[in-house]
Protein backbone atom coordinates (compact mmCIF):
# COMPACT_ATOMS: atom_id res chain seq x y z
CA MET A 1 -21.75 -22.51 -8.18
CA ASN A 2 -23.35 -25.89 -8.81
CA ALA A 3 -26.01 -24.85 -11.35
CA PRO A 4 -26.01 -22.71 -14.51
CA ILE A 5 -27.13 -19.27 -13.40
CA PRO A 6 -27.96 -16.49 -15.87
CA ALA A 7 -26.29 -13.09 -15.84
CA THR A 8 -29.54 -11.25 -15.18
CA ALA A 9 -32.81 -11.98 -13.39
CA LEU A 10 -36.29 -10.60 -13.88
CA GLN A 11 -37.71 -8.67 -10.96
CA LEU A 12 -41.22 -7.26 -10.52
CA ARG A 13 -41.13 -3.52 -9.84
CA SER A 14 -43.71 -0.81 -9.14
CA LEU A 15 -43.25 2.82 -10.21
CA VAL A 16 -45.38 5.91 -9.47
CA GLN A 17 -44.95 8.70 -12.00
CA ALA A 18 -45.46 12.39 -11.31
CA ASP A 19 -48.50 12.53 -13.61
CA GLY A 20 -50.38 10.00 -11.45
CA THR A 21 -49.63 6.94 -13.58
CA LEU A 22 -48.70 3.68 -11.89
CA LEU A 23 -46.46 1.32 -13.87
CA VAL A 24 -45.84 -2.28 -12.81
CA SER A 25 -43.36 -4.22 -14.91
CA LEU A 26 -40.73 -6.95 -15.00
CA GLU A 27 -37.25 -5.51 -15.19
CA PRO A 28 -33.94 -7.30 -15.82
CA THR A 29 -31.53 -6.81 -12.93
CA PRO A 30 -27.90 -7.95 -12.55
CA MET A 31 -27.61 -11.38 -10.98
CA PRO A 32 -26.72 -10.84 -7.31
CA THR A 33 -23.46 -12.40 -6.15
CA PRO A 34 -23.60 -13.80 -2.62
CA GLY A 35 -21.06 -12.52 -0.15
CA ALA A 36 -19.17 -14.74 2.27
CA ASP A 37 -22.14 -15.07 4.66
CA GLU A 38 -24.85 -14.98 2.00
CA VAL A 39 -26.68 -17.43 -0.23
CA LEU A 40 -28.27 -17.11 -3.67
CA ILE A 41 -31.83 -18.42 -3.79
CA GLN A 42 -33.73 -19.42 -6.90
CA MET A 43 -37.16 -18.16 -5.87
CA GLN A 44 -39.88 -20.77 -6.39
CA ALA A 45 -42.82 -19.44 -4.36
CA ALA A 46 -43.90 -16.04 -3.03
CA PRO A 47 -47.41 -15.21 -1.79
CA ILE A 48 -49.34 -12.05 -2.60
CA ASN A 49 -50.33 -10.68 0.80
CA PRO A 50 -52.51 -7.58 1.33
CA SER A 51 -49.38 -5.69 2.39
CA ASP A 52 -47.76 -6.66 -0.93
CA ILE A 53 -50.77 -5.37 -2.87
CA GLY A 54 -50.41 -2.09 -0.99
CA LEU A 55 -46.91 -1.59 -2.41
CA LEU A 56 -47.66 -3.21 -5.77
CA PHE A 57 -50.59 -0.96 -6.69
CA GLY A 58 -50.65 1.71 -3.99
CA PRO A 59 -53.89 3.71 -4.16
CA ALA A 60 -54.31 3.14 -7.90
CA ASP A 61 -57.84 2.68 -9.23
CA LEU A 62 -57.77 -0.93 -10.42
CA SER A 63 -60.76 -0.30 -12.69
CA THR A 64 -58.35 1.70 -14.88
CA VAL A 65 -55.85 -1.14 -15.35
CA GLN A 66 -54.47 -1.58 -18.86
CA VAL A 67 -51.80 -4.10 -19.82
CA THR A 68 -49.31 -3.49 -22.63
CA GLY A 69 -45.96 -5.06 -23.53
CA THR A 70 -45.57 -8.75 -24.36
CA ALA A 71 -46.75 -11.97 -22.78
CA GLU A 72 -43.27 -12.49 -21.31
CA ARG A 73 -42.78 -8.84 -20.27
CA PRO A 74 -46.19 -7.27 -19.57
CA VAL A 75 -46.48 -3.69 -18.33
CA VAL A 76 -49.45 -2.70 -16.15
CA HIS A 77 -50.73 0.88 -16.35
CA ALA A 78 -53.25 2.31 -13.86
CA ARG A 79 -54.37 5.74 -12.71
CA ILE A 80 -53.87 7.05 -9.19
CA PRO A 81 -56.65 9.43 -8.09
CA GLU A 82 -55.44 13.01 -7.72
CA ARG A 83 -56.52 13.14 -4.09
CA ALA A 84 -54.16 10.23 -3.29
CA MET A 85 -51.06 11.66 -4.95
CA PRO A 86 -49.86 13.74 -1.95
CA GLY A 87 -49.41 10.48 -0.05
CA MET A 88 -47.23 9.15 -2.89
CA ALA A 89 -44.74 12.04 -2.82
CA ALA A 90 -41.91 9.89 -1.44
CA ARG A 91 -42.47 7.22 -4.11
CA ILE A 92 -42.55 9.37 -7.24
CA GLY A 93 -39.90 8.30 -9.72
CA GLN A 94 -38.69 5.35 -7.63
CA SER A 95 -38.90 1.90 -9.19
CA MET A 96 -39.62 -0.25 -6.14
CA PRO A 97 -39.19 -4.05 -5.84
CA VAL A 98 -42.17 -5.91 -4.35
CA GLY A 99 -42.75 -9.06 -2.29
CA ASN A 100 -42.33 -9.42 1.47
CA GLU A 101 -41.63 -13.13 1.75
CA GLY A 102 -41.04 -16.31 -0.19
CA ALA A 103 -39.12 -19.55 -0.47
CA GLY A 104 -36.82 -21.30 -2.89
CA LEU A 105 -33.74 -23.39 -3.52
CA VAL A 106 -30.26 -22.27 -2.50
CA VAL A 107 -28.20 -22.60 -5.70
CA ALA A 108 -25.02 -20.78 -4.65
CA ALA A 109 -23.42 -19.90 -1.34
CA GLY A 110 -20.63 -17.80 0.10
CA ALA A 111 -17.56 -19.28 1.75
CA SER A 112 -18.74 -19.23 5.36
CA PRO A 113 -19.75 -22.54 6.96
CA ALA A 114 -23.24 -21.19 7.68
CA ALA A 115 -23.78 -20.30 4.03
CA GLN A 116 -22.30 -23.52 2.70
CA ALA A 117 -24.55 -25.56 5.00
CA LEU A 118 -27.60 -24.21 3.14
CA LEU A 119 -26.42 -25.10 -0.36
CA GLY A 120 -29.05 -27.31 -2.02
CA ARG A 121 -31.59 -26.67 0.75
CA THR A 122 -35.07 -25.20 0.41
CA VAL A 123 -35.27 -22.11 2.60
CA ALA A 124 -37.91 -19.52 3.48
CA VAL A 125 -36.97 -15.85 3.68
CA ILE A 126 -38.44 -12.45 4.43
CA GLY A 127 -36.95 -9.10 3.60
CA GLY A 128 -38.61 -7.58 0.55
CA ALA A 129 -37.95 -7.84 -3.21
CA MET A 130 -39.12 -11.48 -3.29
CA TYR A 131 -41.00 -11.23 -6.60
CA THR A 132 -37.84 -12.04 -8.51
CA GLN A 133 -36.18 -15.02 -10.12
CA TYR A 134 -33.12 -14.95 -7.82
CA ARG A 135 -32.54 -13.32 -4.44
CA ALA A 136 -29.34 -13.03 -2.39
CA MET A 137 -29.91 -13.16 1.38
CA PRO A 138 -27.76 -13.45 4.51
CA ALA A 139 -27.57 -17.07 5.61
CA ALA A 140 -28.59 -16.06 9.13
CA GLN A 141 -31.92 -14.74 7.81
CA CYS A 142 -32.85 -17.98 6.02
CA LEU A 143 -35.19 -20.50 7.63
CA PRO A 144 -34.28 -23.99 6.38
CA MET A 145 -37.36 -26.04 5.61
CA PRO A 146 -37.76 -29.49 7.17
CA ALA A 147 -37.15 -32.43 4.83
CA GLY A 148 -40.14 -33.02 2.57
CA THR A 149 -41.35 -29.42 2.73
CA THR A 150 -41.90 -27.70 -0.61
CA ALA A 151 -41.20 -24.07 -1.41
CA ALA A 152 -44.94 -23.48 -1.75
CA GLU A 153 -45.52 -24.85 1.75
CA GLY A 154 -42.81 -22.62 3.20
CA ALA A 155 -43.52 -19.45 1.21
CA SER A 156 -46.02 -17.98 3.69
CA CYS A 157 -44.33 -18.95 6.93
CA PHE A 158 -43.56 -15.41 8.06
CA VAL A 159 -46.15 -12.69 7.50
CA ASN A 160 -49.45 -14.45 8.30
CA PRO A 161 -48.18 -16.91 10.95
CA LEU A 162 -46.14 -14.29 12.81
CA THR A 163 -49.01 -11.80 12.58
CA ALA A 164 -51.42 -14.32 14.10
CA LEU A 165 -48.96 -15.24 16.84
CA GLY A 166 -48.19 -11.55 17.36
CA MET A 167 -51.84 -10.80 17.98
CA VAL A 168 -52.02 -13.45 20.68
CA GLU A 169 -48.73 -12.25 22.17
CA THR A 170 -49.99 -8.65 22.21
CA MET A 171 -53.21 -9.77 23.89
CA GLN A 172 -51.29 -11.54 26.64
CA ARG A 173 -48.69 -8.83 27.17
CA GLU A 174 -51.41 -6.16 27.56
CA GLY A 175 -53.38 -8.16 30.10
CA HIS A 176 -56.36 -9.24 27.98
CA THR A 177 -57.63 -12.82 28.09
CA ALA A 178 -59.51 -13.18 24.77
CA LEU A 179 -59.59 -11.36 21.45
CA VAL A 180 -61.65 -10.35 18.44
CA HIS A 181 -60.58 -10.65 14.80
CA THR A 182 -62.29 -9.20 11.72
CA ALA A 183 -62.18 -10.45 8.11
CA ALA A 184 -61.71 -13.66 10.03
CA ALA A 185 -62.17 -16.21 7.25
CA SER A 186 -58.88 -15.23 5.61
CA ASN A 187 -55.81 -17.47 5.63
CA LEU A 188 -54.58 -15.42 8.57
CA GLY A 189 -57.91 -15.74 10.33
CA GLN A 190 -57.94 -19.51 9.92
CA MET A 191 -54.43 -19.70 11.40
CA LEU A 192 -55.50 -17.55 14.35
CA ASN A 193 -58.43 -19.90 14.98
CA LYS A 194 -56.13 -22.91 15.04
CA ILE A 195 -53.76 -21.16 17.46
CA CYS A 196 -56.57 -20.16 19.82
CA LEU A 197 -58.19 -23.59 19.73
CA LYS A 198 -54.86 -25.26 20.47
CA ASP A 199 -53.92 -22.81 23.23
CA GLY A 200 -57.38 -22.55 24.83
CA ILE A 201 -57.87 -18.84 24.07
CA GLY A 202 -61.28 -17.28 23.50
CA LEU A 203 -61.66 -15.86 20.00
CA VAL A 204 -64.55 -13.93 18.47
CA ASN A 205 -64.54 -14.04 14.67
CA ILE A 206 -66.25 -11.35 12.61
CA VAL A 207 -66.99 -12.12 8.95
CA ARG A 208 -69.03 -10.46 6.20
CA LYS A 209 -70.83 -13.40 4.57
CA PRO A 210 -72.73 -16.52 5.73
CA GLU A 211 -70.43 -18.81 3.72
CA GLN A 212 -67.42 -17.37 5.55
CA ALA A 213 -69.10 -18.11 8.86
CA ALA A 214 -69.73 -21.68 7.71
CA LEU A 215 -66.07 -22.07 6.71
CA LEU A 216 -64.86 -21.05 10.17
CA ARG A 217 -67.35 -23.21 11.99
CA GLY A 218 -66.18 -26.08 9.82
CA ILE A 219 -62.67 -25.79 11.30
CA GLY A 220 -63.97 -25.60 14.87
CA ALA A 221 -64.55 -21.88 15.51
CA GLN A 222 -67.05 -21.43 18.36
CA TYR A 223 -67.89 -17.73 18.13
CA VAL A 224 -68.56 -16.41 14.62
CA CYS A 225 -70.53 -13.21 13.97
CA ASP A 226 -71.72 -12.22 10.49
CA SER A 227 -71.73 -8.42 10.12
CA SER A 228 -74.30 -8.71 7.31
CA ALA A 229 -76.87 -10.32 9.64
CA PRO A 230 -79.63 -8.18 11.21
CA SER A 231 -78.72 -9.66 14.59
CA PHE A 232 -75.00 -8.79 14.28
CA MET A 233 -74.76 -6.38 17.23
CA ALA A 234 -76.66 -8.72 19.53
CA ASP A 235 -74.64 -11.73 18.37
CA LEU A 236 -71.38 -9.86 18.88
CA THR A 237 -72.34 -8.71 22.36
CA ASP A 238 -73.27 -12.28 23.33
CA ALA A 239 -69.93 -13.61 22.04
CA LEU A 240 -67.99 -10.89 23.88
CA ALA A 241 -69.86 -11.60 27.09
CA ALA A 242 -69.10 -15.32 26.74
CA THR A 243 -65.39 -14.88 26.03
CA GLY A 244 -64.57 -11.70 27.93
CA ALA A 245 -62.68 -10.37 24.91
CA THR A 246 -61.52 -6.77 25.36
CA VAL A 247 -58.98 -6.41 22.53
CA ALA A 248 -59.69 -6.59 18.79
CA PHE A 249 -57.59 -6.66 15.63
CA ASP A 250 -59.45 -5.11 12.73
CA ALA A 251 -58.38 -5.77 9.15
CA THR A 252 -61.06 -3.55 7.62
CA GLY A 253 -59.78 -0.28 9.06
CA GLY A 254 -62.49 2.00 7.66
CA GLY A 255 -66.20 2.42 8.29
CA THR A 256 -68.06 1.83 11.54
CA LEU A 257 -66.86 -1.64 12.57
CA ALA A 258 -64.18 -0.57 15.07
CA GLY A 259 -66.72 1.60 16.87
CA GLN A 260 -69.30 -1.17 16.85
CA ILE A 261 -66.83 -3.56 18.45
CA LEU A 262 -66.09 -1.07 21.25
CA GLN A 263 -69.82 -0.46 21.74
CA CYS A 264 -70.52 -4.19 22.06
CA MET A 265 -67.53 -4.68 24.39
CA GLU A 266 -68.99 -2.04 26.72
CA ALA A 267 -72.44 -3.63 26.54
CA ALA A 268 -70.97 -7.05 27.36
CA ILE A 269 -69.03 -5.67 30.33
CA ASN A 270 -72.10 -3.88 31.69
CA ARG A 271 -74.05 -7.13 31.86
CA THR A 272 -72.13 -7.96 35.04
CA ALA A 273 -71.62 -4.42 36.34
CA LYS A 274 -72.36 -3.98 40.04
CA GLU A 275 -73.20 -0.30 39.78
CA TYR A 276 -73.88 2.39 37.18
CA SER A 277 -71.18 4.88 36.19
CA ARG A 278 -71.90 7.86 34.00
CA TYR A 279 -68.32 7.59 32.72
CA GLY A 280 -68.79 4.02 31.54
CA SER A 281 -66.94 0.94 32.72
CA ASN A 282 -63.34 1.25 33.86
CA VAL A 283 -62.33 -1.86 31.89
CA HIS A 284 -60.00 -0.84 29.07
CA LYS A 285 -61.22 -1.80 25.61
CA GLN A 286 -58.76 -1.72 22.70
CA VAL A 287 -59.13 -2.00 18.92
CA TYR A 288 -56.01 -2.25 16.77
CA LEU A 289 -56.36 -1.43 13.08
CA TYR A 290 -53.89 -3.56 11.12
CA GLY A 291 -55.43 -3.48 7.62
CA HIS A 292 -57.39 -1.23 5.29
CA LEU A 293 -59.86 -3.44 3.43
CA ASP A 294 -62.47 -0.71 3.86
CA THR A 295 -61.04 2.50 2.43
CA ARG A 296 -63.65 4.78 4.02
CA PRO A 297 -62.73 6.97 7.01
CA THR A 298 -62.84 5.22 10.38
CA GLU A 299 -66.01 6.32 12.19
CA ILE A 300 -66.13 6.20 15.99
CA GLN A 301 -69.33 7.09 17.86
CA ARG A 302 -68.43 7.35 21.51
CA THR A 303 -71.05 5.28 23.28
CA PHE A 304 -68.68 3.18 25.38
CA GLY A 305 -67.35 5.31 28.23
CA MET A 306 -63.82 6.64 28.58
CA ALA A 307 -61.68 3.50 29.00
CA TRP A 308 -60.90 2.67 25.39
CA GLY A 309 -58.34 3.06 22.66
CA VAL A 310 -57.98 2.75 18.89
CA GLY A 311 -54.53 2.49 17.33
CA GLY A 312 -52.47 0.91 14.61
CA TRP A 313 -50.66 -2.42 14.78
CA LEU A 314 -48.01 -3.73 12.40
CA LEU A 315 -46.01 -6.94 12.55
CA PHE A 316 -42.47 -5.68 12.07
CA PRO A 317 -42.56 -2.89 14.70
CA PHE A 318 -44.10 -5.44 17.08
CA LEU A 319 -41.27 -7.94 16.49
CA GLN A 320 -38.70 -5.20 17.09
CA LYS A 321 -40.48 -4.23 20.29
CA ILE A 322 -40.45 -7.72 21.81
CA GLY A 323 -36.80 -8.37 20.91
CA ASP A 324 -34.88 -11.07 19.08
CA ALA A 325 -35.25 -13.82 21.68
CA ALA A 326 -39.06 -13.57 21.90
CA ALA A 327 -39.38 -13.23 18.12
CA GLN A 328 -37.24 -16.32 17.62
CA LYS A 329 -39.57 -18.35 19.83
CA LEU A 330 -42.46 -17.38 17.58
CA ARG A 331 -40.48 -18.39 14.47
CA GLU A 332 -39.62 -21.75 16.01
CA ARG A 333 -43.29 -22.45 16.64
CA VAL A 334 -44.10 -21.63 13.01
CA ALA A 335 -41.43 -24.05 11.77
CA ALA A 336 -42.69 -26.80 14.07
CA GLU A 337 -46.34 -26.42 12.98
CA LEU A 338 -45.81 -25.43 9.35
CA LYS A 339 -47.96 -28.23 7.91
CA SER A 340 -50.74 -27.99 10.48
CA THR A 341 -51.51 -24.76 12.33
CA PHE A 342 -49.72 -22.55 9.82
CA ALA A 343 -50.54 -24.29 6.54
CA SER A 344 -51.50 -21.81 3.81
CA HIS A 345 -53.92 -22.38 0.96
CA TYR A 346 -53.84 -20.69 -2.43
CA ALA A 347 -56.57 -20.28 -4.98
CA ARG A 348 -54.12 -19.94 -7.88
CA THR A 349 -50.44 -20.10 -8.79
CA ALA A 350 -49.00 -17.96 -11.57
CA SER A 351 -45.66 -16.91 -13.03
CA LEU A 352 -44.18 -13.44 -12.57
CA ALA A 353 -45.66 -12.45 -15.92
CA GLY A 354 -48.95 -14.23 -15.21
CA VAL A 355 -49.78 -12.14 -12.13
CA LEU A 356 -49.65 -9.00 -14.28
CA SER A 357 -52.48 -10.05 -16.59
CA ALA A 358 -55.66 -8.00 -16.32
CA GLU A 359 -57.63 -11.13 -15.42
CA ALA A 360 -55.25 -12.07 -12.59
CA ILE A 361 -55.27 -8.55 -11.15
CA ALA A 362 -59.07 -8.52 -11.18
CA PHE A 363 -58.95 -11.79 -9.20
CA TYR A 364 -56.49 -10.95 -6.42
CA GLY A 365 -56.51 -7.14 -6.48
CA PRO A 366 -59.72 -6.71 -4.40
CA ARG A 367 -58.18 -8.87 -1.61
CA ASN A 368 -61.28 -11.03 -1.30
CA THR A 369 -61.34 -14.02 1.04
CA GLY A 370 -60.43 -17.17 -0.87
CA ALA A 371 -58.53 -15.29 -3.58
CA LYS A 372 -54.99 -15.65 -2.21
CA MET A 373 -52.46 -16.07 -5.00
CA LEU A 374 -48.99 -17.61 -5.12
CA ILE A 375 -46.26 -16.51 -7.51
CA ASP A 376 -43.79 -19.08 -8.80
CA PRO A 377 -40.92 -17.01 -10.26
CA SER A 378 -39.29 -20.17 -11.63
CA MET A 379 -42.23 -20.87 -13.97
């Protein structure tokens, strides 16, 4: 080992108790020792993605947040509504580490040549438990950052970039030629726009506010529809007719939006229909729900024929489905375009303790566009 390394490391953990109390705290854990093919990473950057918030707070009511403990070791308390507790049955009593991805400096390495080659390098990793001061990982699962790349620049090079690329890959594999994306002004949405612009793919962006529409148009987006506008349905139908998009990826999940997209897809298709069919068009229309920003039930009013589908889509099952070789091609593209197409932007950076303040939780907890937060566990 080339650097003084403590005997324990702080790790952020989330615990659901049987009485419906959520506890989020920093817990000391034994310093991991890397095996022969592993490295020890001093974590320096880890983003808070919506999927991380899902594990961090679960269905807890964030309006009930209270913070106790000390400034160095805060403890977050929140109440989980009784109706949500049945879904937490498998989590009760388990202190769970949080954080899907991150980046940092390799400070110790096992004896294998692959591990030793990473010593002193900045690497990006994915695999859970990244909200920690130190993380041991197999060398084969580390993505070395190009020279001059910081941990902050590499911290988000998995979840959002691979999700955006996965959406495009899904579109192509299922025979669609253009796609729709909701909550489209997010970091992920901006990446997807850059991919589609670069690859010549039609993309319809759905946002909730005029300023989000302006942001996307500012980076070159051609089709942006504001769901708060009175003309939303007409605007969406026009954009779908222009692009021919027949697959959508919906981050909101609840409410009426998925059904509205299918309705407008059918209306766009019927503009060029040669004859009327009482069963609707035979062009398959698909909406994938990949997020849950809207916690209401998903409402579908069937006004779009019989050739349609609504399902779930998640990154990791998709990567397993396409296989290692195809997934590696996507990772290589991310590494090559890390500072352009796949650059991430953060509104704030905080320490492990800092992200557990009531003020910080109120900022990033609602998952609002423009409120993406980065944790620096080395602070």
